N, C-alpha and C. Protein backbone atom coordinates (compact mmCIF):
# COMPACT_ATOMS: atom_id res chain seq x y z
N MET A 1 -10.08 5.57 26.24
CA MET A 1 -8.84 6.26 26.42
C MET A 1 -7.75 5.61 25.54
N ALA A 2 -7.03 6.41 24.79
CA ALA A 2 -6.00 5.85 23.94
C ALA A 2 -4.79 5.34 24.74
N VAL A 3 -4.22 4.23 24.26
CA VAL A 3 -3.04 3.62 24.91
C VAL A 3 -1.82 4.31 24.33
N PRO A 4 -0.84 4.66 25.21
CA PRO A 4 0.39 5.27 24.63
C PRO A 4 1.06 4.35 23.67
N LEU A 5 1.77 5.00 22.68
CA LEU A 5 2.40 4.23 21.59
C LEU A 5 3.58 3.40 22.15
N LYS A 6 4.15 3.76 23.30
CA LYS A 6 5.27 3.07 23.85
C LYS A 6 4.86 1.64 24.27
N GLU A 7 3.62 1.45 24.62
CA GLU A 7 3.11 0.18 25.09
C GLU A 7 2.74 -0.78 23.96
N LYS A 8 2.74 -0.28 22.72
CA LYS A 8 2.31 -1.12 21.55
C LYS A 8 3.51 -1.57 20.82
N ARG A 9 3.36 -2.69 20.21
CA ARG A 9 4.47 -3.28 19.44
C ARG A 9 4.59 -2.69 18.05
N ALA A 10 5.79 -2.55 17.57
CA ALA A 10 6.08 -1.93 16.23
C ALA A 10 5.55 -2.87 15.15
N SER A 11 5.64 -4.23 15.37
CA SER A 11 5.21 -5.12 14.34
C SER A 11 3.64 -5.00 14.16
N THR A 12 2.94 -4.76 15.26
CA THR A 12 1.51 -4.54 15.09
C THR A 12 1.22 -3.26 14.34
N LEU A 13 2.01 -2.24 14.54
CA LEU A 13 1.81 -0.99 13.81
C LEU A 13 2.01 -1.22 12.34
N VAL A 14 3.07 -1.93 11.97
CA VAL A 14 3.39 -2.16 10.55
C VAL A 14 2.25 -3.04 9.93
N LEU A 15 1.76 -4.02 10.65
CA LEU A 15 0.65 -4.85 10.16
C LEU A 15 -0.59 -4.04 9.98
N VAL A 16 -0.93 -3.14 10.91
CA VAL A 16 -2.15 -2.33 10.78
C VAL A 16 -2.00 -1.36 9.58
N ALA A 17 -0.78 -0.84 9.41
CA ALA A 17 -0.55 0.06 8.21
C ALA A 17 -0.73 -0.68 6.89
N LEU A 18 -0.18 -1.86 6.80
CA LEU A 18 -0.31 -2.65 5.58
C LEU A 18 -1.74 -3.08 5.34
N VAL A 19 -2.50 -3.39 6.36
CA VAL A 19 -3.93 -3.75 6.22
C VAL A 19 -4.71 -2.53 5.66
N GLY A 20 -4.40 -1.33 6.27
CA GLY A 20 -5.04 -0.12 5.81
C GLY A 20 -4.77 0.20 4.29
N ILE A 21 -3.53 -0.04 3.88
CA ILE A 21 -3.19 0.20 2.45
C ILE A 21 -3.90 -0.82 1.60
N LEU A 22 -3.96 -2.07 2.03
CA LEU A 22 -4.67 -3.09 1.25
C LEU A 22 -6.17 -2.80 1.13
N ILE A 23 -6.79 -2.39 2.20
CA ILE A 23 -8.24 -2.04 2.17
C ILE A 23 -8.42 -0.86 1.24
N GLY A 24 -7.55 0.09 1.33
CA GLY A 24 -7.67 1.27 0.41
C GLY A 24 -7.48 0.90 -1.05
N SER A 25 -6.60 -0.02 -1.32
CA SER A 25 -6.38 -0.44 -2.73
C SER A 25 -7.55 -1.28 -3.18
N TYR A 26 -8.13 -2.02 -2.32
CA TYR A 26 -9.39 -2.80 -2.65
C TYR A 26 -10.53 -1.84 -2.98
N LEU A 27 -10.65 -0.75 -2.18
CA LEU A 27 -11.72 0.21 -2.43
C LEU A 27 -11.35 0.94 -3.79
N ASN A 28 -10.12 1.13 -4.05
CA ASN A 28 -9.72 1.77 -5.34
C ASN A 28 -10.21 0.94 -6.54
N SER A 29 -9.98 -0.40 -6.42
CA SER A 29 -10.41 -1.28 -7.52
C SER A 29 -11.92 -1.35 -7.67
N ILE A 30 -12.68 -1.19 -6.55
CA ILE A 30 -14.10 -1.19 -6.62
C ILE A 30 -14.59 0.12 -7.23
N MET A 31 -13.94 1.21 -6.90
CA MET A 31 -14.29 2.53 -7.42
C MET A 31 -14.06 2.59 -8.91
N GLU A 32 -12.97 1.92 -9.39
CA GLU A 32 -12.68 1.94 -10.81
C GLU A 32 -13.87 1.34 -11.67
N GLY A 33 -14.46 0.30 -11.11
CA GLY A 33 -15.54 -0.35 -11.82
C GLY A 33 -16.89 0.29 -11.59
N ALA A 34 -17.06 0.99 -10.50
CA ALA A 34 -18.39 1.49 -10.13
C ALA A 34 -18.64 2.92 -10.57
N MET A 35 -17.59 3.71 -10.74
CA MET A 35 -17.83 5.16 -11.05
C MET A 35 -17.84 5.39 -12.55
N PRO A 36 -18.63 6.34 -13.02
CA PRO A 36 -18.60 6.67 -14.44
C PRO A 36 -17.24 7.44 -14.72
N PRO A 37 -16.81 7.44 -16.01
CA PRO A 37 -15.58 8.16 -16.37
C PRO A 37 -15.73 9.65 -16.06
N GLY A 38 -14.65 10.24 -15.60
CA GLY A 38 -14.65 11.67 -15.37
C GLY A 38 -13.49 12.09 -14.45
N VAL A 39 -13.53 13.31 -14.02
CA VAL A 39 -12.49 13.87 -13.14
C VAL A 39 -12.43 13.24 -11.82
N VAL A 40 -13.61 12.99 -11.27
CA VAL A 40 -13.68 12.42 -9.90
C VAL A 40 -13.14 11.01 -9.88
N LYS A 41 -13.45 10.18 -10.89
CA LYS A 41 -12.93 8.84 -10.97
C LYS A 41 -11.45 8.88 -11.16
N THR A 42 -10.92 9.76 -11.97
CA THR A 42 -9.49 9.88 -12.18
C THR A 42 -8.81 10.29 -10.86
N PHE A 43 -9.37 11.23 -10.13
CA PHE A 43 -8.79 11.66 -8.85
C PHE A 43 -8.70 10.55 -7.84
N PHE A 44 -9.79 9.74 -7.66
CA PHE A 44 -9.85 8.72 -6.67
C PHE A 44 -9.02 7.48 -7.07
N THR A 45 -8.90 7.20 -8.42
CA THR A 45 -8.33 5.94 -8.79
C THR A 45 -6.91 6.04 -9.40
N TYR A 46 -6.40 7.25 -9.56
CA TYR A 46 -5.04 7.41 -10.06
C TYR A 46 -4.10 6.90 -9.06
N SER A 47 -3.17 5.98 -9.52
CA SER A 47 -2.18 5.42 -8.62
C SER A 47 -0.77 5.72 -9.09
N ILE A 48 0.13 5.81 -8.11
CA ILE A 48 1.54 6.03 -8.42
C ILE A 48 2.32 4.78 -7.99
N PRO A 49 2.93 4.08 -8.88
CA PRO A 49 3.70 2.86 -8.52
C PRO A 49 5.09 3.25 -7.87
N PHE A 50 5.45 2.47 -6.86
CA PHE A 50 6.69 2.71 -6.23
C PHE A 50 7.28 1.33 -5.92
N GLY A 51 8.61 1.06 -6.31
CA GLY A 51 9.12 -0.23 -6.05
C GLY A 51 10.48 -0.46 -6.65
N VAL A 52 10.91 -1.67 -6.59
CA VAL A 52 12.22 -2.11 -7.11
C VAL A 52 11.96 -3.12 -8.20
N GLY A 53 12.54 -2.84 -9.39
CA GLY A 53 12.42 -3.73 -10.55
C GLY A 53 11.69 -3.06 -11.67
N ASP A 54 11.57 -3.72 -12.78
CA ASP A 54 10.86 -3.25 -13.98
C ASP A 54 9.50 -3.85 -14.05
N PHE A 55 8.53 -3.12 -13.62
CA PHE A 55 7.20 -3.62 -13.54
C PHE A 55 6.38 -3.44 -14.82
N VAL A 56 6.88 -2.62 -15.67
CA VAL A 56 6.25 -2.46 -17.00
C VAL A 56 6.39 -3.73 -17.77
N ASN A 57 7.53 -4.36 -17.78
CA ASN A 57 7.78 -5.59 -18.46
C ASN A 57 7.78 -6.84 -17.55
N ASN A 58 7.32 -6.62 -16.37
CA ASN A 58 7.22 -7.71 -15.40
C ASN A 58 8.56 -8.42 -15.16
N GLN A 59 9.64 -7.64 -14.97
CA GLN A 59 10.99 -8.19 -14.77
C GLN A 59 11.48 -7.70 -13.40
N PRO A 60 11.85 -8.59 -12.47
CA PRO A 60 12.40 -8.13 -11.23
C PRO A 60 13.85 -7.70 -11.43
N LEU A 61 14.41 -7.02 -10.44
CA LEU A 61 15.79 -6.63 -10.43
C LEU A 61 16.69 -7.84 -10.33
N LEU A 62 17.60 -7.98 -11.26
CA LEU A 62 18.46 -9.19 -11.28
C LEU A 62 19.86 -8.77 -11.03
N ILE A 63 20.49 -9.42 -9.97
CA ILE A 63 21.87 -9.19 -9.66
C ILE A 63 22.67 -10.48 -9.95
N ASN A 64 23.53 -10.46 -10.95
CA ASN A 64 24.26 -11.59 -11.41
C ASN A 64 25.65 -11.58 -10.88
N LEU A 65 25.99 -12.42 -9.93
CA LEU A 65 27.34 -12.52 -9.39
C LEU A 65 28.08 -13.71 -9.87
N SER A 66 27.76 -14.21 -11.00
CA SER A 66 28.39 -15.35 -11.68
C SER A 66 28.02 -16.68 -10.96
N ALA A 67 28.33 -16.84 -9.72
CA ALA A 67 28.00 -18.06 -8.99
C ALA A 67 26.64 -17.97 -8.34
N ILE A 68 26.19 -16.75 -8.09
CA ILE A 68 24.89 -16.59 -7.44
C ILE A 68 24.11 -15.56 -8.27
N LYS A 69 22.88 -15.85 -8.49
CA LYS A 69 21.93 -14.87 -9.08
C LYS A 69 20.86 -14.57 -8.07
N LEU A 70 20.64 -13.26 -7.93
CA LEU A 70 19.63 -12.79 -6.99
C LEU A 70 18.60 -12.01 -7.72
N GLN A 71 17.29 -12.26 -7.43
CA GLN A 71 16.20 -11.47 -8.04
C GLN A 71 15.41 -10.83 -6.88
N PHE A 72 15.18 -9.59 -7.14
CA PHE A 72 14.38 -8.77 -6.19
C PHE A 72 13.20 -8.16 -6.90
N GLY A 73 12.07 -8.13 -6.34
CA GLY A 73 10.94 -7.41 -6.86
C GLY A 73 10.04 -6.96 -5.74
N PHE A 74 9.61 -5.71 -5.79
CA PHE A 74 8.74 -5.14 -4.76
C PHE A 74 8.03 -3.95 -5.36
N MET A 75 6.73 -3.88 -5.22
CA MET A 75 6.00 -2.69 -5.71
C MET A 75 4.78 -2.44 -4.88
N ILE A 76 4.59 -1.14 -4.61
CA ILE A 76 3.40 -0.66 -3.92
C ILE A 76 2.80 0.44 -4.85
N LYS A 77 1.49 0.36 -4.99
CA LYS A 77 0.79 1.39 -5.79
C LYS A 77 0.08 2.26 -4.75
N PHE A 78 0.46 3.48 -4.67
CA PHE A 78 -0.21 4.42 -3.80
C PHE A 78 -1.27 5.20 -4.58
N SER A 79 -2.51 5.28 -4.03
CA SER A 79 -3.56 6.06 -4.59
C SER A 79 -4.19 6.87 -3.43
N PHE A 80 -5.09 7.77 -3.73
CA PHE A 80 -5.76 8.55 -2.79
C PHE A 80 -6.47 7.68 -1.80
N LEU A 81 -7.21 6.66 -2.28
CA LEU A 81 -7.92 5.81 -1.33
C LEU A 81 -7.04 4.89 -0.47
N SER A 82 -5.87 4.51 -0.98
CA SER A 82 -4.96 3.75 -0.13
C SER A 82 -4.36 4.59 0.96
N ILE A 83 -4.16 5.88 0.73
CA ILE A 83 -3.69 6.78 1.73
C ILE A 83 -4.76 7.01 2.76
N ILE A 84 -6.06 7.17 2.30
CA ILE A 84 -7.14 7.35 3.21
C ILE A 84 -7.27 6.08 4.07
N GLY A 85 -7.16 4.88 3.49
CA GLY A 85 -7.24 3.63 4.26
C GLY A 85 -6.11 3.54 5.28
N LEU A 86 -4.90 4.00 4.95
CA LEU A 86 -3.79 4.04 5.87
C LEU A 86 -4.08 4.94 7.07
N PHE A 87 -4.59 6.17 6.83
CA PHE A 87 -4.89 7.10 7.87
C PHE A 87 -6.02 6.54 8.78
N ILE A 88 -7.07 5.96 8.20
CA ILE A 88 -8.12 5.41 9.01
C ILE A 88 -7.60 4.28 9.87
N SER A 89 -6.81 3.38 9.33
CA SER A 89 -6.27 2.26 10.11
C SER A 89 -5.39 2.75 11.24
N LEU A 90 -4.57 3.75 10.96
CA LEU A 90 -3.66 4.26 12.02
C LEU A 90 -4.51 5.01 13.08
N TYR A 91 -5.57 5.65 12.70
CA TYR A 91 -6.41 6.33 13.70
C TYR A 91 -7.11 5.26 14.56
N LEU A 92 -7.57 4.20 13.97
CA LEU A 92 -8.19 3.09 14.76
C LEU A 92 -7.13 2.40 15.66
N PHE A 93 -5.91 2.36 15.14
CA PHE A 93 -4.80 1.73 15.96
C PHE A 93 -4.57 2.53 17.26
N ARG A 94 -4.91 3.78 17.24
CA ARG A 94 -4.75 4.55 18.54
C ARG A 94 -5.58 3.93 19.63
N TRP A 95 -6.74 3.39 19.27
CA TRP A 95 -7.66 2.88 20.36
C TRP A 95 -7.46 1.42 20.60
N TYR A 96 -6.49 0.73 19.92
CA TYR A 96 -6.23 -0.65 20.10
C TYR A 96 -5.50 -0.87 21.40
N ARG A 97 -5.84 -1.92 22.12
CA ARG A 97 -5.10 -2.15 23.44
C ARG A 97 -4.18 -3.30 23.27
């Protein structure tokens, strides 16, 4: 029997979601090396980067306030397999007590 979401901690939900995305991205990297070139490989391994900063040139976002300099960098690559990993982990989270 599934436990209601009210009784579960939000930090556990975030951790489970991140683990699902990481497992999906790991499966994505395995599929890139294991599958022959073609449409199916492109579909499963195509990723869309999302984040803050310039990741093409590997430069984080720089905020220069003269006395203080702040650098921020954050990126997530979403692919089909990372979304599948996220949904599977959230489905399994339903049964977590």
